[in-house]
Structures are given as C-alpha cells and as structure tokens.
C-alpha cells in the first residue's frame, strides 16, 4: 500500500519525510509493545506470588 502511494502521489521530499515518519513511529510502537509485555509479565509474576 505504502509503495503504491509513494510512486503515484508523493514527490520525492514528501516521500522521504513520510517514510522517515513511518519508520520512527514503528520503532516507537515496538518499544511501547515490548514495555506493555514486560508490564504484563511483571503483573503475572506478582499474581503468582
């Protein structure tokens, strides 16, 4: 989907900025997800005790 948009609608500058933005957000999301998993693990450990 992203590739199609890139080739048709966006000029080069916008394209690269948009791509960078997406990559940064994916990194953030991965970070958040891993934090949430750790938090759930901690809660589970506490329950078990």
PDB file of N, CA and C in Angstrom:
ATOM      1  N   UNK A   1       0.827  -1.198   0.000  1.00  0.00           N
ATOM      2  CA  UNK A   1       0.000   0.000   0.000  1.00  0.00           C
ATOM      3  C   UNK A   1       0.864   1.252   0.000  1.00  0.00           C
ATOM      4  N   UNK A   2       1.838   1.270   0.893  1.00  0.00           N
ATOM      5  CA  UNK A   2       2.703   2.443   1.008  1.00  0.00           C
ATOM      6  C   UNK A   2       3.481   2.678  -0.283  1.00  0.00           C
ATOM      7  N   UNK A   3       3.945   1.609  -0.910  1.00  0.00           N
ATOM      8  CA  UNK A   3       4.730   1.741  -2.137  1.00  0.00           C
ATOM      9  C   UNK A   3       3.898   2.365  -3.261  1.00  0.00           C
ATOM     10  N   UNK A   4       2.652   1.925  -3.356  1.00  0.00           N
ATOM     11  CA  UNK A   4       1.773   2.482  -4.391  1.00  0.00           C
ATOM     12  C   UNK A   4       1.605   3.989  -4.195  1.00  0.00           C
ATOM     13  N   UNK A   5       1.281   4.388  -2.980  1.00  0.00           N
ATOM     14  CA  UNK A   5       1.127   5.805  -2.680  1.00  0.00           C
ATOM     15  C   UNK A   5       2.388   6.572  -3.059  1.00  0.00           C
ATOM     16  N   UNK A   6       3.514   6.018  -2.639  1.00  0.00           N
ATOM     17  CA  UNK A   6       4.798   6.667  -2.880  1.00  0.00           C
ATOM     18  C   UNK A   6       4.995   6.943  -4.367  1.00  0.00           C
ATOM     19  N   UNK A   7       4.817   5.939  -5.180  1.00  0.00           N
ATOM     20  CA  UNK A   7       5.148   6.084  -6.596  1.00  0.00           C
ATOM     21  C   UNK A   7       4.169   7.025  -7.295  1.00  0.00           C
ATOM     22  N   UNK A   8       2.906   6.991  -6.920  1.00  0.00           N
ATOM     23  CA  UNK A   8       1.932   7.805  -7.654  1.00  0.00           C
ATOM     24  C   UNK A   8       1.860   9.233  -7.120  1.00  0.00           C
ATOM     25  N   UNK A   9       1.594   9.410  -5.830  1.00  0.00           N
ATOM     26  CA  UNK A   9       1.114  10.707  -5.367  1.00  0.00           C
ATOM     27  C   UNK A   9       2.199  11.619  -4.804  1.00  0.00           C
ATOM     28  N   UNK A  10       3.203  11.069  -4.160  1.00  0.00           N
ATOM     29  CA  UNK A  10       4.102  11.935  -3.399  1.00  0.00           C
ATOM     30  C   UNK A  10       5.356  12.291  -4.176  1.00  0.00           C
ATOM     31  N   UNK A  11       5.719  13.572  -4.182  1.00  0.00           N
ATOM     32  CA  UNK A  11       7.040  13.971  -4.676  1.00  0.00           C
ATOM     33  C   UNK A  11       8.143  13.492  -3.744  1.00  0.00           C
ATOM     34  N   UNK A  12       9.376  13.575  -4.216  1.00  0.00           N
ATOM     35  CA  UNK A  12      10.495  12.929  -3.511  1.00  0.00           C
ATOM     36  C   UNK A  12      10.640  13.383  -2.067  1.00  0.00           C
ATOM     37  N   UNK A  13      10.564  14.692  -1.841  1.00  0.00           N
ATOM     38  CA  UNK A  13      10.834  15.220  -0.496  1.00  0.00           C
ATOM     39  C   UNK A  13       9.786  14.719   0.486  1.00  0.00           C
ATOM     40  N   UNK A  14       8.546  14.923   0.137  1.00  0.00           N
ATOM     41  CA  UNK A  14       7.446  14.470   0.994  1.00  0.00           C
ATOM     42  C   UNK A  14       7.572  12.976   1.248  1.00  0.00           C
ATOM     43  N   UNK A  15       7.857  12.264   0.175  1.00  0.00           N
ATOM     44  CA  UNK A  15       8.004  10.821   0.221  1.00  0.00           C
ATOM     45  C   UNK A  15       9.018  10.407   1.290  1.00  0.00           C
ATOM     46  N   UNK A  16      10.202  10.994   1.253  1.00  0.00           N
ATOM     47  CA  UNK A  16      11.242  10.582   2.194  1.00  0.00           C
ATOM     48  C   UNK A  16      10.874  10.980   3.620  1.00  0.00           C
ATOM     49  N   UNK A  17      10.296  12.181   3.785  1.00  0.00           N
ATOM     50  CA  UNK A  17       9.890  12.609   5.134  1.00  0.00           C
ATOM     51  C   UNK A  17       8.826  11.673   5.684  1.00  0.00           C
ATOM     52  N   UNK A  18       7.849  11.355   4.845  1.00  0.00           N
ATOM     53  CA  UNK A  18       6.763  10.480   5.259  1.00  0.00           C
ATOM     54  C   UNK A  18       7.295   9.104   5.654  1.00  0.00           C
ATOM     55  N   UNK A  19       8.217   8.615   4.849  1.00  0.00           N
ATOM     56  CA  UNK A  19       8.807   7.313   5.119  1.00  0.00           C
ATOM     57  C   UNK A  19       9.551   7.323   6.450  1.00  0.00           C
ATOM     58  N   UNK A  20      10.328   8.389   6.673  1.00  0.00           N
ATOM     59  CA  UNK A  20      11.057   8.518   7.933  1.00  0.00           C
ATOM     60  C   UNK A  20      10.076   8.524   9.102  1.00  0.00           C
ATOM     61  N   UNK A  21       9.013   9.307   8.957  1.00  0.00           N
ATOM     62  CA  UNK A  21       7.990   9.414   9.996  1.00  0.00           C
ATOM     63  C   UNK A  21       7.426   8.029  10.328  1.00  0.00           C
ATOM     64  N   UNK A  22       7.085   7.278   9.291  1.00  0.00           N
ATOM     65  CA  UNK A  22       6.538   5.930   9.493  1.00  0.00           C
ATOM     66  C   UNK A  22       7.539   5.045  10.236  1.00  0.00           C
ATOM     67  N   UNK A  23       8.801   5.095   9.819  1.00  0.00           N
ATOM     68  CA  UNK A  23       9.802   4.247  10.472  1.00  0.00           C
ATOM     69  C   UNK A  23       9.938   4.602  11.950  1.00  0.00           C
ATOM     70  N   UNK A  24       9.986   5.906  12.251  1.00  0.00           N
ATOM     71  CA  UNK A  24      10.106   6.322  13.651  1.00  0.00           C
ATOM     72  C   UNK A  24       8.922   5.821  14.461  1.00  0.00           C
ATOM     73  N   UNK A  25       7.728   5.963  13.903  1.00  0.00           N
ATOM     74  CA  UNK A  25       6.540   5.518  14.623  1.00  0.00           C
ATOM     75  C   UNK A  25       6.549   4.013  14.847  1.00  0.00           C
ATOM     76  N   UNK A  26       7.011   3.258  13.845  1.00  0.00           N
ATOM     77  CA  UNK A  26       7.087   1.804  14.032  1.00  0.00           C
ATOM     78  C   UNK A  26       8.036   1.469  15.173  1.00  0.00           C
ATOM     79  N   UNK A  27       9.168   2.166  15.229  1.00  0.00           N
ATOM     80  CA  UNK A  27      10.108   1.923  16.324  1.00  0.00           C
ATOM     81  C   UNK A  27       9.443   2.226  17.660  1.00  0.00           C
ATOM     82  N   UNK A  28       8.759   3.360  17.725  1.00  0.00           N
ATOM     83  CA  UNK A  28       8.077   3.709  18.974  1.00  0.00           C
ATOM     84  C   UNK A  28       7.070   2.647  19.352  1.00  0.00           C
ATOM     85  N   UNK A  29       6.278   2.217  18.381  1.00  0.00           N
ATOM     86  CA  UNK A  29       5.259   1.205  18.671  1.00  0.00           C
ATOM     87  C   UNK A  29       5.896  -0.078  19.187  1.00  0.00           C
ATOM     88  N   UNK A  30       6.979  -0.504  18.558  1.00  0.00           N
ATOM     89  CA  UNK A  30       7.657  -1.715  19.029  1.00  0.00           C
ATOM     90  C   UNK A  30       8.103  -1.543  20.470  1.00  0.00           C
ATOM     91  N   UNK A  31       8.651  -0.369  20.757  1.00  0.00           N
ATOM     92  CA  UNK A  31       9.123  -0.076  22.109  1.00  0.00           C
ATOM     93  C   UNK A  31       7.958  -0.154  23.101  1.00  0.00           C
ATOM     94  N   UNK A  32       6.854   0.516  22.748  1.00  0.00           N
ATOM     95  CA  UNK A  32       5.678   0.516  23.620  1.00  0.00           C
ATOM     96  C   UNK A  32       5.174  -0.905  23.834  1.00  0.00           C
ATOM     97  N   UNK A  33       5.072  -1.656  22.739  1.00  0.00           N
ATOM     98  CA  UNK A  33       4.560  -3.025  22.842  1.00  0.00           C
ATOM     99  C   UNK A  33       5.437  -3.855  23.761  1.00  0.00           C
ATOM    100  N   UNK A  34       6.755  -3.724  23.615  1.00  0.00           N
ATOM    101  CA  UNK A  34       7.640  -4.520  24.467  1.00  0.00           C
ATOM    102  C   UNK A  34       7.478  -4.095  25.923  1.00  0.00           C
ATOM    103  N   UNK A  35       7.297  -2.788  26.176  1.00  0.00           N
ATOM    104  CA  UNK A  35       7.080  -2.324  27.547  1.00  0.00           C
ATOM    105  C   UNK A  35       5.801  -2.909  28.126  1.00  0.00           C
ATOM    106  N   UNK A  36       4.755  -2.916  27.314  1.00  0.00           N
ATOM    107  CA  UNK A  36       3.474  -3.472  27.773  1.00  0.00           C
ATOM    108  C   UNK A  36       3.637  -4.941  28.111  1.00  0.00           C
ATOM    109  N   UNK A  37       4.365  -5.674  27.257  1.00  0.00           N
ATOM    110  CA  UNK A  37       4.574  -7.097  27.529  1.00  0.00           C
ATOM    111  C   UNK A  37       5.309  -7.288  28.843  1.00  0.00           C
ATOM    112  N   UNK A  38       6.354  -6.497  29.057  1.00  0.00           N
ATOM    113  CA  UNK A  38       7.108  -6.602  30.303  1.00  0.00           C
ATOM    114  C   UNK A  38       6.202  -6.316  31.497  1.00  0.00           C
ATOM    115  N   UNK A  39       5.367  -5.282  31.357  1.00  0.00           N
ATOM    116  CA  UNK A  39       4.460  -4.910  32.437  1.00  0.00           C
ATOM    117  C   UNK A  39       3.511  -6.061  32.752  1.00  0.00           C
ATOM    118  N   UNK A  40       2.944  -6.668  31.709  1.00  0.00           N
ATOM    119  CA  UNK A  40       2.039  -7.798  31.920  1.00  0.00           C
ATOM    120  C   UNK A  40       2.775  -8.950  32.601  1.00  0.00           C
ATOM    121  N   UNK A  41       4.014  -9.203  32.171  1.00  0.00           N
ATOM    122  CA  UNK A  41       4.791 -10.272  32.787  1.00  0.00           C
ATOM    123  C   UNK A  41       4.987 -10.003  34.268  1.00  0.00           C
ATOM    124  N   UNK A  42       5.299  -8.762  34.602  1.00  0.00           N
ATOM    125  CA  UNK A  42       5.511  -8.396  35.998  1.00  0.00           C
ATOM    126  C   UNK A  42       4.224  -8.615  36.789  1.00  0.00           C
ATOM    127  N   UNK A  43       3.094  -8.155  36.252  1.00  0.00           N
ATOM    128  CA  UNK A  43       1.808  -8.348  36.938  1.00  0.00           C
ATOM    129  C   UNK A  43       1.550  -9.832  37.163  1.00  0.00           C
ATOM    130  N   UNK A  44       1.805 -10.639  36.138  1.00  0.00           N
ATOM    131  CA  UNK A  44       1.569 -12.073  36.263  1.00  0.00           C
ATOM    132  C   UNK A  44       2.441 -12.674  37.355  1.00  0.00           C
ATOM    133  N   UNK A  45       3.694 -12.255  37.393  1.00  0.00           N
ATOM    134  CA  UNK A  45       4.598 -12.767  38.424  1.00  0.00           C
ATOM    135  C   UNK A  45       4.071 -12.409  39.808  1.00  0.00           C
ATOM    136  N   UNK A  46       3.595 -11.183  39.950  1.00  0.00           N
ATOM    137  CA  UNK A  46       3.078 -10.743  41.245  1.00  0.00           C
ATOM    138  C   UNK A  46       1.865 -11.576  41.633  1.00  0.00           C
ATOM    139  N   UNK A  47       0.986 -11.842  40.686  1.00  0.00           N
ATOM    140  CA  UNK A  47      -0.184 -12.662  40.979  1.00  0.00           C
ATOM    141  C   UNK A  47       0.218 -14.055  41.447  1.00  0.00           C
ATOM    142  N   UNK A  48       1.216 -14.613  40.776  1.00  0.00           N
ATOM    143  CA  UNK A  48       1.631 -15.974  41.110  1.00  0.00           C
ATOM    144  C   UNK A  48       2.143 -16.031  42.548  1.00  0.00           C
ATOM    145  N   UNK A  49       2.921 -15.023  42.932  1.00  0.00           N
ATOM    146  CA  UNK A  49       3.394 -14.990  44.323  1.00  0.00           C
ATOM    147  C   UNK A  49       2.213 -14.833  45.270  1.00  0.00           C
TER     148      UNK A  49
END
